[in-house]
């Protein structure tokens, strides 16, 4: 495959370095979280990484990673 599955953890909210790295590699990236970040504290809903990713998946536990890989396989990478 030629894509990235990333869980930036706490860096989600402020790491422009990770955001810039995703842009620099010029590959599709899927942002993944085990928990549902939208049902948690307000600050967790803000991601500086999401705008440079092709998709964000959260709240499915380990299945989040499986779906991210499948998404890259089926929808993005030819």
Protein backbone atom coordinates (compact mmCIF):
# COMPACT_ATOMS: atom_id res chain seq x y z
CA UNK A 1 0.00 0.00 0.00
CA UNK A 2 0.95 3.57 -0.43
CA UNK A 3 -0.91 5.39 2.32
CA UNK A 4 -0.79 6.24 6.02
CA UNK A 5 -2.98 5.33 8.96
CA UNK A 6 -2.21 7.68 11.84
CA UNK A 7 -3.41 8.12 15.39
CA UNK A 8 -1.74 11.37 16.45
CA UNK A 9 -3.09 11.07 20.00
CA UNK A 10 -2.67 14.26 22.03
CA UNK A 11 -0.73 15.82 19.14
CA UNK A 12 -4.04 15.98 17.25
CA UNK A 13 -4.91 19.34 18.72
CA UNK A 14 -1.74 21.32 18.15
CA UNK A 15 0.93 19.50 16.13
CA UNK A 16 1.42 21.43 12.97
CA UNK A 17 4.64 19.44 12.59
CA UNK A 18 2.65 16.23 12.08
CA UNK A 19 0.26 18.08 9.77
CA UNK A 20 3.20 19.37 7.71
CA UNK A 21 4.75 15.88 7.58
CA UNK A 22 1.53 14.42 6.16
CA UNK A 23 1.46 17.12 3.50
CA UNK A 24 5.16 16.59 2.71
CA UNK A 25 4.88 12.86 2.03
CA UNK A 26 2.16 13.46 -0.56
CA UNK A 27 0.36 10.22 0.28
CA UNK A 28 -3.24 9.72 1.43
CA UNK A 29 -3.58 9.59 5.21
CA UNK A 30 -6.46 8.43 7.39
CA UNK A 31 -6.69 9.83 10.93
CA UNK A 32 -7.81 7.16 13.43
CA UNK A 33 -8.94 7.09 17.07
CA UNK A 34 -10.04 4.17 19.22
CA UNK A 35 -12.59 6.25 21.14
CA UNK A 36 -15.31 8.53 19.83
CA UNK A 37 -13.56 11.88 20.10
CA UNK A 38 -16.80 13.74 19.37
CA UNK A 39 -18.45 12.44 22.54
CA UNK A 40 -15.60 13.59 24.76
CA UNK A 41 -14.37 17.01 25.91
CA UNK A 42 -14.72 19.95 23.51
CA UNK A 43 -10.97 20.34 22.97
CA UNK A 44 -10.72 16.76 21.69
CA UNK A 45 -13.02 17.61 18.79
CA UNK A 46 -10.45 19.96 17.29
CA UNK A 47 -7.88 18.41 14.97
CA UNK A 48 -5.22 20.31 13.05
CA UNK A 49 -4.41 17.06 11.24
CA UNK A 50 -7.89 16.25 9.88
CA UNK A 51 -7.89 18.85 7.08
CA UNK A 52 -4.89 17.17 5.40
CA UNK A 53 -6.24 13.63 5.78
CA UNK A 54 -8.60 11.95 3.34
CA UNK A 55 -10.76 10.56 6.15
CA UNK A 56 -11.16 10.45 9.93
CA UNK A 57 -12.43 7.32 11.70
CA UNK A 58 -13.14 7.16 15.44
CA UNK A 59 -15.05 5.29 18.08
CA UNK A 60 -14.72 1.77 16.76
CA UNK A 61 -11.88 0.53 18.95
CA UNK A 62 -9.34 -1.56 17.04
CA UNK A 63 -11.83 -1.81 14.17
CA UNK A 64 -11.03 1.86 13.45
CA UNK A 65 -7.62 0.75 12.18
CA UNK A 66 -9.05 -2.10 10.12
CA UNK A 67 -11.53 0.24 8.45
CA UNK A 68 -8.82 2.79 7.74
CA UNK A 69 -6.69 0.21 5.92
CA UNK A 70 -9.71 -1.06 4.00
CA UNK A 71 -10.67 2.48 3.05
CA UNK A 72 -7.20 3.09 1.65
CA UNK A 73 -7.31 -0.20 -0.24
CA UNK A 74 -10.78 0.24 -1.67
CA UNK A 75 -11.22 3.97 -2.15
CA UNK A 76 -7.87 5.68 -2.48
CA UNK A 77 -5.02 3.46 -3.60
CA UNK A 78 -5.27 1.92 -7.02
